[in-house]
Amino acid sequence: IVVRPFLLKTFEDINKILNALREGFTIAVIDISPLRSKDIIEVKRAVAKIKKTIDAMEGDIAGFGDNIIIATPNFAEIYKGEKVTEKVEKIES
């Protein structure tokens, strides 16, 4: 199992994130701040696509702070307090 950091600079960067997650042994720590500073619409698209893939894999996803997303395969669960869950939903809307 690998905890791997990713930097989301463009929407296309999600492909390497999704590929790593699909392998099933990676917990992704995704910094969305570079793309967020350029285009919030692209951030929303990227987060929605990552969430859709994670849901299909029965994994877990959560936001930490304003710029970090954690995505895990189905073997790992993220503790979610109220504020953590609200962050991902806020980014998506």
PDB file of N, CA and C in Angstrom:
ATOM      1  N   ILE A   1       0.860  -1.174   0.000  1.00  0.00           N
ATOM      2  CA  ILE A   1       0.000   0.000   0.000  1.00  0.00           C
ATOM      3  C   ILE A   1       0.899   1.228   0.000  1.00  0.00           C
ATOM      4  N   VAL A   2       0.583   2.169  -0.903  1.00  0.00           N
ATOM      5  CA  VAL A   2       1.387   3.373  -1.046  1.00  0.00           C
ATOM      6  C   VAL A   2       0.495   4.595  -0.825  1.00  0.00           C
ATOM      7  N   VAL A   3       0.943   5.520  -0.006  1.00  0.00           N
ATOM      8  CA  VAL A   3       0.298   6.823   0.114  1.00  0.00           C
ATOM      9  C   VAL A   3       1.083   7.739  -0.804  1.00  0.00           C
ATOM     10  N   ARG A   4       0.404   8.205  -1.866  1.00  0.00           N
ATOM     11  CA  ARG A   4       1.116   8.936  -2.914  1.00  0.00           C
ATOM     12  C   ARG A   4       0.545  10.342  -3.106  1.00  0.00           C
ATOM     13  N   PRO A   5       1.405  11.354  -3.078  1.00  0.00           N
ATOM     14  CA  PRO A   5       0.926  12.720  -3.323  1.00  0.00           C
ATOM     15  C   PRO A   5       0.805  12.984  -4.829  1.00  0.00           C
ATOM     16  N   PHE A   6      -0.206  13.761  -5.190  1.00  0.00           N
ATOM     17  CA  PHE A   6      -0.408  14.191  -6.565  1.00  0.00           C
ATOM     18  C   PHE A   6      -0.654  15.696  -6.572  1.00  0.00           C
ATOM     19  N   LEU A   7      -0.251  16.345  -7.654  1.00  0.00           N
ATOM     20  CA  LEU A   7      -0.472  17.770  -7.839  1.00  0.00           C
ATOM     21  C   LEU A   7      -1.374  17.932  -9.056  1.00  0.00           C
ATOM     22  N   LEU A   8      -2.520  18.542  -8.864  1.00  0.00           N
ATOM     23  CA  LEU A   8      -3.486  18.716  -9.942  1.00  0.00           C
ATOM     24  C   LEU A   8      -3.270  20.091 -10.584  1.00  0.00           C
ATOM     25  N   LYS A   9      -2.484  20.101 -11.662  1.00  0.00           N
ATOM     26  CA  LYS A   9      -2.190  21.351 -12.369  1.00  0.00           C
ATOM     27  C   LYS A   9      -3.169  21.593 -13.512  1.00  0.00           C
ATOM     28  N   THR A  10      -3.590  20.492 -14.174  1.00  0.00           N
ATOM     29  CA  THR A  10      -4.561  20.565 -15.267  1.00  0.00           C
ATOM     30  C   THR A  10      -5.566  19.437 -15.096  1.00  0.00           C
ATOM     31  N   PHE A  11      -6.685  19.533 -15.798  1.00  0.00           N
ATOM     32  CA  PHE A  11      -7.703  18.489 -15.731  1.00  0.00           C
ATOM     33  C   PHE A  11      -7.128  17.142 -16.160  1.00  0.00           C
ATOM     34  N   GLU A  12      -6.232  17.142 -17.125  1.00  0.00           N
ATOM     35  CA  GLU A  12      -5.642  15.908 -17.638  1.00  0.00           C
ATOM     36  C   GLU A  12      -4.818  15.160 -16.585  1.00  0.00           C
ATOM     37  N   ASP A  13      -4.383  15.848 -15.564  1.00  0.00           N
ATOM     38  CA  ASP A  13      -3.609  15.206 -14.496  1.00  0.00           C
ATOM     39  C   ASP A  13      -4.411  14.146 -13.747  1.00  0.00           C
ATOM     40  N   ILE A  14      -5.742  14.178 -13.854  1.00  0.00           N
ATOM     41  CA  ILE A  14      -6.533  13.179 -13.130  1.00  0.00           C
ATOM     42  C   ILE A  14      -6.329  11.775 -13.689  1.00  0.00           C
ATOM     43  N   ASN A  15      -5.891  11.664 -14.944  1.00  0.00           N
ATOM     44  CA  ASN A  15      -5.692  10.334 -15.525  1.00  0.00           C
ATOM     45  C   ASN A  15      -4.670   9.515 -14.745  1.00  0.00           C
ATOM     46  N   LYS A  16      -3.539  10.126 -14.384  1.00  0.00           N
ATOM     47  CA  LYS A  16      -2.535   9.381 -13.620  1.00  0.00           C
ATOM     48  C   LYS A  16      -3.032   9.074 -12.205  1.00  0.00           C
ATOM     49  N   ILE A  17      -3.855   9.956 -11.662  1.00  0.00           N
ATOM     50  CA  ILE A  17      -4.439   9.719 -10.330  1.00  0.00           C
ATOM     51  C   ILE A  17      -5.395   8.535 -10.394  1.00  0.00           C
ATOM     52  N   LEU A  18      -6.289   8.559 -11.377  1.00  0.00           N
ATOM     53  CA  LEU A  18      -7.270   7.478 -11.516  1.00  0.00           C
ATOM     54  C   LEU A  18      -6.601   6.139 -11.812  1.00  0.00           C
ATOM     55  N   ASN A  19      -5.571   6.150 -12.648  1.00  0.00           N
ATOM     56  CA  ASN A  19      -4.849   4.908 -12.943  1.00  0.00           C
ATOM     57  C   ASN A  19      -4.217   4.324 -11.690  1.00  0.00           C
ATOM     58  N   ALA A  20      -3.610   5.178 -10.876  1.00  0.00           N
ATOM     59  CA  ALA A  20      -2.995   4.715  -9.623  1.00  0.00           C
ATOM     60  C   ALA A  20      -4.053   4.150  -8.679  1.00  0.00           C
ATOM     61  N   LEU A  21      -5.195   4.805  -8.595  1.00  0.00           N
ATOM     62  CA  LEU A  21      -6.267   4.331  -7.718  1.00  0.00           C
ATOM     63  C   LEU A  21      -6.847   3.011  -8.216  1.00  0.00           C
ATOM     64  N   ARG A  22      -6.996   2.883  -9.521  1.00  0.00           N
ATOM     65  CA  ARG A  22      -7.570   1.660 -10.091  1.00  0.00           C
ATOM     66  C   ARG A  22      -6.685   0.442  -9.852  1.00  0.00           C
ATOM     67  N   GLU A  23      -5.378   0.659  -9.718  1.00  0.00           N
ATOM     68  CA  GLU A  23      -4.481  -0.459  -9.406  1.00  0.00           C
ATOM     69  C   GLU A  23      -4.823  -1.081  -8.058  1.00  0.00           C
ATOM     70  N   GLY A  24      -5.430  -0.283  -7.184  1.00  0.00           N
ATOM     71  CA  GLY A  24      -5.939  -0.809  -5.929  1.00  0.00           C
ATOM     72  C   GLY A  24      -5.015  -0.770  -4.737  1.00  0.00           C
ATOM     73  N   PHE A  25      -3.800  -0.248  -4.890  1.00  0.00           N
ATOM     74  CA  PHE A  25      -2.857  -0.243  -3.776  1.00  0.00           C
ATOM     75  C   PHE A  25      -2.377   1.160  -3.416  1.00  0.00           C
ATOM     76  N   THR A  26      -3.070   2.191  -3.920  1.00  0.00           N
ATOM     77  CA  THR A  26      -2.632   3.566  -3.716  1.00  0.00           C
ATOM     78  C   THR A  26      -3.691   4.375  -2.983  1.00  0.00           C
ATOM     79  N   ILE A  27      -3.261   5.104  -1.981  1.00  0.00           N
ATOM     80  CA  ILE A  27      -4.073   6.131  -1.340  1.00  0.00           C
ATOM     81  C   ILE A  27      -3.543   7.449  -1.880  1.00  0.00           C
ATOM     82  N   ALA A  28      -4.400   8.208  -2.561  1.00  0.00           N
ATOM     83  CA  ALA A  28      -3.978   9.442  -3.221  1.00  0.00           C
ATOM     84  C   ALA A  28      -4.232  10.658  -2.338  1.00  0.00           C
ATOM     85  N   VAL A  29      -3.199  11.467  -2.186  1.00  0.00           N
ATOM     86  CA  VAL A  29      -3.291  12.754  -1.503  1.00  0.00           C
ATOM     87  C   VAL A  29      -3.129  13.800  -2.603  1.00  0.00           C
ATOM     88  N   ILE A  30      -4.220  14.474  -2.957  1.00  0.00           N
ATOM     89  CA  ILE A  30      -4.260  15.332  -4.142  1.00  0.00           C
ATOM     90  C   ILE A  30      -4.320  16.797  -3.741  1.00  0.00           C
ATOM     91  N   ASP A  31      -3.323  17.553  -4.174  1.00  0.00           N
ATOM     92  CA  ASP A  31      -3.289  18.999  -3.953  1.00  0.00           C
ATOM     93  C   ASP A  31      -3.944  19.663  -5.160  1.00  0.00           C
ATOM     94  N   ILE A  32      -5.107  20.288  -4.961  1.00  0.00           N
ATOM     95  CA  ILE A  32      -5.848  20.906  -6.061  1.00  0.00           C
ATOM     96  C   ILE A  32      -5.561  22.395  -6.211  1.00  0.00           C
ATOM     97  N   SER A  33      -4.684  22.949  -5.367  1.00  0.00           N
ATOM     98  CA  SER A  33      -4.471  24.399  -5.365  1.00  0.00           C
ATOM     99  C   SER A  33      -3.951  24.974  -6.686  1.00  0.00           C
ATOM    100  N   PRO A  34      -3.045  24.299  -7.435  1.00  0.00           N
ATOM    101  CA  PRO A  34      -2.599  24.903  -8.701  1.00  0.00           C
ATOM    102  C   PRO A  34      -3.740  25.085  -9.709  1.00  0.00           C
ATOM    103  N   LEU A  35      -4.591  24.080  -9.840  1.00  0.00           N
ATOM    104  CA  LEU A  35      -5.716  24.189 -10.775  1.00  0.00           C
ATOM    105  C   LEU A  35      -6.788  25.119 -10.223  1.00  0.00           C
ATOM    106  N   ARG A  36      -6.974  25.088  -8.910  1.00  0.00           N
ATOM    107  CA  ARG A  36      -7.986  25.953  -8.291  1.00  0.00           C
ATOM    108  C   ARG A  36      -7.676  27.430  -8.534  1.00  0.00           C
ATOM    109  N   SER A  37      -6.398  27.783  -8.541  1.00  0.00           N
ATOM    110  CA  SER A  37      -6.031  29.186  -8.758  1.00  0.00           C
ATOM    111  C   SER A  37      -6.250  29.611 -10.211  1.00  0.00           C
ATOM    112  N   LYS A  38      -6.306  28.633 -11.130  1.00  0.00           N
ATOM    113  CA  LYS A  38      -6.524  28.940 -12.551  1.00  0.00           C
ATOM    114  C   LYS A  38      -7.988  28.862 -12.961  1.00  0.00           C
ATOM    115  N   ASP A  39      -8.657  27.756 -12.597  1.00  0.00           N
ATOM    116  CA  ASP A  39      -9.992  27.500 -13.142  1.00  0.00           C
ATOM    117  C   ASP A  39     -10.808  26.625 -12.193  1.00  0.00           C
ATOM    118  N   ILE A  40     -11.709  27.230 -11.448  1.00  0.00           N
ATOM    119  CA  ILE A  40     -12.512  26.508 -10.462  1.00  0.00           C
ATOM    120  C   ILE A  40     -13.472  25.525 -11.139  1.00  0.00           C
ATOM    121  N   ILE A  41     -13.920  25.833 -12.349  1.00  0.00           N
ATOM    122  CA  ILE A  41     -14.810  24.921 -13.076  1.00  0.00           C
ATOM    123  C   ILE A  41     -14.092  23.605 -13.372  1.00  0.00           C
ATOM    124  N   GLU A  42     -12.833  23.690 -13.785  1.00  0.00           N
ATOM    125  CA  GLU A  42     -12.043  22.488 -14.055  1.00  0.00           C
ATOM    126  C   GLU A  42     -11.811  21.690 -12.772  1.00  0.00           C
ATOM    127  N   VAL A  43     -11.643  22.369 -11.655  1.00  0.00           N
ATOM    128  CA  VAL A  43     -11.488  21.684 -10.366  1.00  0.00           C
ATOM    129  C   VAL A  43     -12.746  20.881 -10.069  1.00  0.00           C
ATOM    130  N   LYS A  44     -13.895  21.505 -10.261  1.00  0.00           N
ATOM    131  CA  LYS A  44     -15.161  20.817  -9.998  1.00  0.00           C
ATOM    132  C   LYS A  44     -15.315  19.600 -10.902  1.00  0.00           C
ATOM    133  N   ARG A  45     -14.960  19.740 -12.168  1.00  0.00           N
ATOM    134  CA  ARG A  45     -15.022  18.610 -13.103  1.00  0.00           C
ATOM    135  C   ARG A  45     -14.097  17.481 -12.655  1.00  0.00           C
ATOM    136  N   ALA A  46     -12.879  17.852 -12.278  1.00  0.00           N
ATOM    137  CA  ALA A  46     -11.891  16.860 -11.862  1.00  0.00           C
ATOM    138  C   ALA A  46     -12.345  16.125 -10.604  1.00  0.00           C
ATOM    139  N   VAL A  47     -12.805  16.863  -9.614  1.00  0.00           N
ATOM    140  CA  VAL A  47     -13.255  16.255  -8.357  1.00  0.00           C
ATOM    141  C   VAL A  47     -14.458  15.353  -8.616  1.00  0.00           C
ATOM    142  N   ALA A  48     -15.374  15.783  -9.470  1.00  0.00           N
ATOM    143  CA  ALA A  48     -16.542  14.963  -9.791  1.00  0.00           C
ATOM    144  C   ALA A  48     -16.125  13.655 -10.466  1.00  0.00           C
ATOM    145  N   LYS A  49     -15.158  13.722 -11.367  1.00  0.00           N
ATOM    146  CA  LYS A  49     -14.697  12.513 -12.056  1.00  0.00           C
ATOM    147  C   LYS A  49     -13.981  11.571 -11.086  1.00  0.00           C
ATOM    148  N   ILE A  50     -13.144  12.129 -10.226  1.00  0.00           N
ATOM    149  CA  ILE A  50     -12.461  11.308  -9.226  1.00  0.00           C
ATOM    150  C   ILE A  50     -13.494  10.663  -8.301  1.00  0.00           C
ATOM    151  N   LYS A  51     -14.472  11.438  -7.854  1.00  0.00           N
ATOM    152  CA  LYS A  51     -15.511  10.918  -6.958  1.00  0.00           C
ATOM    153  C   LYS A  51     -16.298   9.806  -7.636  1.00  0.00           C
ATOM    154  N   LYS A  52     -16.635   9.975  -8.893  1.00  0.00           N
ATOM    155  CA  LYS A  52     -17.393   8.954  -9.620  1.00  0.00           C
ATOM    156  C   LYS A  52     -16.599   7.641  -9.693  1.00  0.00           C
ATOM    157  N   THR A  53     -15.321   7.748  -9.968  1.00  0.00           N
ATOM    158  CA  THR A  53     -14.460   6.560 -10.032  1.00  0.00           C
ATOM    159  C   THR A  53     -14.340   5.904  -8.667  1.00  0.00           C
ATOM    160  N   ILE A  54     -14.133   6.700  -7.638  1.00  0.00           N
ATOM    161  CA  ILE A  54     -14.015   6.172  -6.275  1.00  0.00           C
ATOM    162  C   ILE A  54     -15.307   5.488  -5.845  1.00  0.00           C
ATOM    163  N   ASP A  55     -16.443   6.092  -6.174  1.00  0.00           N
ATOM    164  CA  ASP A  55     -17.726   5.473  -5.833  1.00  0.00           C
ATOM    165  C   ASP A  55     -17.881   4.123  -6.536  1.00  0.00           C
ATOM    166  N   ALA A  56     -17.488   4.045  -7.803  1.00  0.00           N
ATOM    167  CA  ALA A  56     -17.569   2.792  -8.555  1.00  0.00           C
ATOM    168  C   ALA A  56     -16.663   1.719  -7.949  1.00  0.00           C
ATOM    169  N   MET A  57     -15.531   2.155  -7.405  1.00  0.00           N
ATOM    170  CA  MET A  57     -14.591   1.226  -6.774  1.00  0.00           C
ATOM    171  C   MET A  57     -14.976   0.907  -5.327  1.00  0.00           C
ATOM    172  N   GLU A  58     -16.027   1.563  -4.846  1.00  0.00           N
ATOM    173  CA  GLU A  58     -16.462   1.465  -3.452  1.00  0.00           C
ATOM    174  C   GLU A  58     -15.373   1.940  -2.500  1.00  0.00           C
ATOM    175  N   GLY A  59     -14.631   2.965  -2.945  1.00  0.00           N
ATOM    176  CA  GLY A  59     -13.587   3.563  -2.122  1.00  0.00           C
ATOM    177  C   GLY A  59     -14.141   4.716  -1.318  1.00  0.00           C
ATOM    178  N   ASP A  60     -13.269   5.607  -0.925  1.00  0.00           N
ATOM    179  CA  ASP A  60     -13.654   6.729  -0.079  1.00  0.00           C
ATOM    180  C   ASP A  60     -12.923   7.981  -0.542  1.00  0.00           C
ATOM    181  N   ILE A  61     -13.560   9.128  -0.366  1.00  0.00           N
ATOM    182  CA  ILE A  61     -12.965  10.407  -0.754  1.00  0.00           C
ATOM    183  C   ILE A  61     -13.377  11.464   0.267  1.00  0.00           C
ATOM    184  N   ALA A  62     -12.448  12.361   0.574  1.00  0.00           N
ATOM    185  CA  ALA A  62     -12.738  13.445   1.515  1.00  0.00           C
ATOM    186  C   ALA A  62     -11.803  14.604   1.236  1.00  0.00           C
ATOM    187  N   GLY A  63     -12.263  15.781   1.605  1.00  0.00           N
ATOM    188  CA  GLY A  63     -11.442  16.982   1.490  1.00  0.00           C
ATOM    189  C   GLY A  63     -10.872  17.349   2.849  1.00  0.00           C
ATOM    190  N   PHE A  64      -9.629  17.819   2.839  1.00  0.00           N
ATOM    191  CA  PHE A  64      -8.976  18.295   4.060  1.00  0.00           C
ATOM    192  C   PHE A  64      -8.495  19.707   3.791  1.00  0.00           C
ATOM    193  N   GLY A  65      -9.042  20.658   4.493  1.00  0.00           N
ATOM    194  CA  GLY A  65      -8.722  22.041   4.197  1.00  0.00           C
ATOM    195  C   GLY A  65      -9.368  22.424   2.872  1.00  0.00           C
ATOM    196  N   ASP A  66      -8.883  23.493   2.280  1.00  0.00           N
ATOM    197  CA  ASP A  66      -9.459  23.965   1.023  1.00  0.00           C
ATOM    198  C   ASP A  66      -8.775  23.381  -0.202  1.00  0.00           C
ATOM    199  N   ASN A  67      -7.593  22.808  -0.044  1.00  0.00           N
ATOM    200  CA  ASN A  67      -6.806  22.419  -1.208  1.00  0.00           C
ATOM    201  C   ASN A  67      -6.362  20.968  -1.274  1.00  0.00           C
ATOM    202  N   ILE A  68      -6.762  20.140  -0.331  1.00  0.00           N
ATOM    203  CA  ILE A  68      -6.308  18.744  -0.314  1.00  0.00           C
ATOM    204  C   ILE A  68      -7.514  17.806  -0.375  1.00  0.00           C
ATOM    205  N   ILE A  69      -7.413  16.816  -1.276  1.00  0.00           N
ATOM    206  CA  ILE A  69      -8.415  15.754  -1.395  1.00  0.00           C
ATOM    207  C   ILE A  69      -7.685  14.433  -1.136  1.00  0.00           C
ATOM    208  N   ILE A  70      -8.302  13.570  -0.337  1.00  0.00           N
ATOM    209  CA  ILE A  70      -7.770  12.231  -0.104  1.00  0.00           C
ATOM    210  C   ILE A  70      -8.731  11.251  -0.773  1.00  0.00           C
ATOM    211  N   ALA A  71      -8.185  10.334  -1.580  1.00  0.00           N
ATOM    212  CA  ALA A  71      -8.994   9.315  -2.241  1.00  0.00           C
ATOM    213  C   ALA A  71      -8.373   7.950  -1.957  1.00  0.00           C
ATOM    214  N   THR A  72      -9.218   6.993  -1.558  1.00  0.00           N
ATOM    215  CA  THR A  72      -8.716   5.669  -1.192  1.00  0.00           C
ATOM    216  C   THR A  72      -9.499   4.572  -1.913  1.00  0.00           C
ATOM    217  N   PRO A  73      -8.854   3.435  -2.140  1.00  0.00           N
ATOM    218  CA  PRO A  73      -9.576   2.263  -2.632  1.00  0.00           C
ATOM    219  C   PRO A  73     -10.481   1.709  -1.527  1.00  0.00           C
ATOM    220  N   ASN A  74     -11.182   0.614  -1.823  1.00  0.00           N
ATOM    221  CA  ASN A  74     -12.187   0.116  -0.881  1.00  0.00           C
ATOM    222  C   ASN A  74     -11.634  -0.464   0.419  1.00  0.00           C
ATOM    223  N   PHE A  75     -10.344  -0.748   0.507  1.00  0.00           N
ATOM    224  CA  PHE A  75      -9.809  -1.321   1.747  1.00  0.00           C
ATOM    225  C   PHE A  75      -9.578  -0.285   2.834  1.00  0.00           C
ATOM    226  N   ALA A  76      -9.624   0.996   2.482  1.00  0.00           N
ATOM    227  CA  ALA A  76      -9.358   2.049   3.468  1.00  0.00           C
ATOM    228  C   ALA A  76     -10.582   2.948   3.628  1.00  0.00           C
ATOM    229  N   GLU A  77     -10.806   3.379   4.834  1.00  0.00           N
ATOM    230  CA  GLU A  77     -11.915   4.278   5.133  1.00  0.00           C
ATOM    231  C   GLU A  77     -11.355   5.558   5.735  1.00  0.00           C
ATOM    232  N   ILE A  78     -11.913   6.683   5.326  1.00  0.00           N
ATOM    233  CA  ILE A  78     -11.486   7.980   5.844  1.00  0.00           C
ATOM    234  C   ILE A  78     -12.462   8.393   6.940  1.00  0.00           C
ATOM    235  N   TYR A  79     -11.928   8.735   8.109  1.00  0.00           N
ATOM    236  CA  TYR A  79     -12.784   9.257   9.166  1.00  0.00           C
ATOM    237  C   TYR A  79     -13.328  10.593   8.706  1.00  0.00           C
ATOM    238  N   LYS A  80     -14.644  10.743   8.778  1.00  0.00           N
ATOM    239  CA  LYS A  80     -15.267  11.980   8.310  1.00  0.00           C
ATOM    240  C   LYS A  80     -16.075  12.616   9.430  1.00  0.00           C
ATOM    241  N   GLY A  81     -15.566  13.741   9.894  1.00  0.00           N
ATOM    242  CA  GLY A  81     -16.354  14.568  10.782  1.00  0.00           C
ATOM    243  C   GLY A  81     -17.201  15.487   9.906  1.00  0.00           C
ATOM    244  N   GLU A  82     -18.006  16.302  10.467  1.00  0.00           N
ATOM    245  CA  GLU A  82     -18.878  17.180   9.686  1.00  0.00           C
ATOM    246  C   GLU A  82     -18.113  18.075   8.716  1.00  0.00           C
ATOM    247  N   LYS A  83     -17.052  18.702   9.189  1.00  0.00           N
ATOM    248  CA  LYS A  83     -16.324  19.662   8.360  1.00  0.00           C
ATOM    249  C   LYS A  83     -15.638  19.000   7.170  1.00  0.00           C
ATOM    250  N   VAL A  84     -15.115  17.801   7.326  1.00  0.00           N
ATOM    251  CA  VAL A  84     -14.408  17.109   6.247  1.00  0.00           C
ATOM    252  C   VAL A  84     -15.369  16.797   5.105  1.00  0.00           C
ATOM    253  N   THR A  85     -16.523  16.239   5.423  1.00  0.00           N
ATOM    254  CA  THR A  85     -17.508  15.885   4.411  1.00  0.00           C
ATOM    255  C   THR A  85     -18.009  17.132   3.694  1.00  0.00           C
ATOM    256  N   GLU A  86     -18.223  18.199   4.414  1.00  0.00           N
ATOM    257  CA  GLU A  86     -18.708  19.432   3.814  1.00  0.00           C
ATOM    258  C   GLU A  86     -17.726  19.999   2.795  1.00  0.00           C
ATOM    259  N   LYS A  87     -16.421  19.814   2.997  1.00  0.00           N
ATOM    260  CA  LYS A  87     -15.414  20.358   2.070  1.00  0.00           C
ATOM    261  C   LYS A  87     -15.549  19.761   0.677  1.00  0.00           C
ATOM    262  N   VAL A  88     -15.695  18.440   0.553  1.00  0.00           N
ATOM    263  CA  VAL A  88     -15.822  17.800  -0.762  1.00  0.00           C
ATOM    264  C   VAL A  88     -17.116  18.242  -1.418  1.00  0.00           C
ATOM    265  N   GLU A  89     -18.204  18.280  -0.657  1.00  0.00           N
ATOM    266  CA  GLU A  89     -19.478  18.696  -1.222  1.00  0.00           C
ATOM    267  C   GLU A  89     -19.418  20.161  -1.669  1.00  0.00           C
ATOM    268  N   LYS A  90     -18.707  20.997  -0.935  1.00  0.00           N
ATOM    269  CA  LYS A  90     -18.569  22.400  -1.290  1.00  0.00           C
ATOM    270  C   LYS A  90     -17.803  22.560  -2.589  1.00  0.00           C
ATOM    271  N   ILE A  91     -16.745  21.783  -2.778  1.00  0.00           N
ATOM    272  CA  ILE A  91     -15.947  21.852  -4.001  1.00  0.00           C
ATOM    273  C   ILE A  91     -16.768  21.387  -5.200  1.00  0.00           C
ATOM    274  N   GLU A  92     -17.582  20.350  -5.005  1.00  0.00           N
ATOM    275  CA  GLU A  92     -18.368  19.816  -6.110  1.00  0.00           C
ATOM    276  C   GLU A  92     -19.459  20.765  -6.566  1.00  0.00           C
ATOM    277  N   SER A  93     -20.011  21.566  -5.662  1.00  0.00           N
ATOM    278  CA  SER A  93     -21.128  22.439  -6.053  1.00  0.00           C
ATOM    279  C   SER A  93     -20.692  23.798  -6.506  1.00  0.00           C
TER     280      SER A  93
END
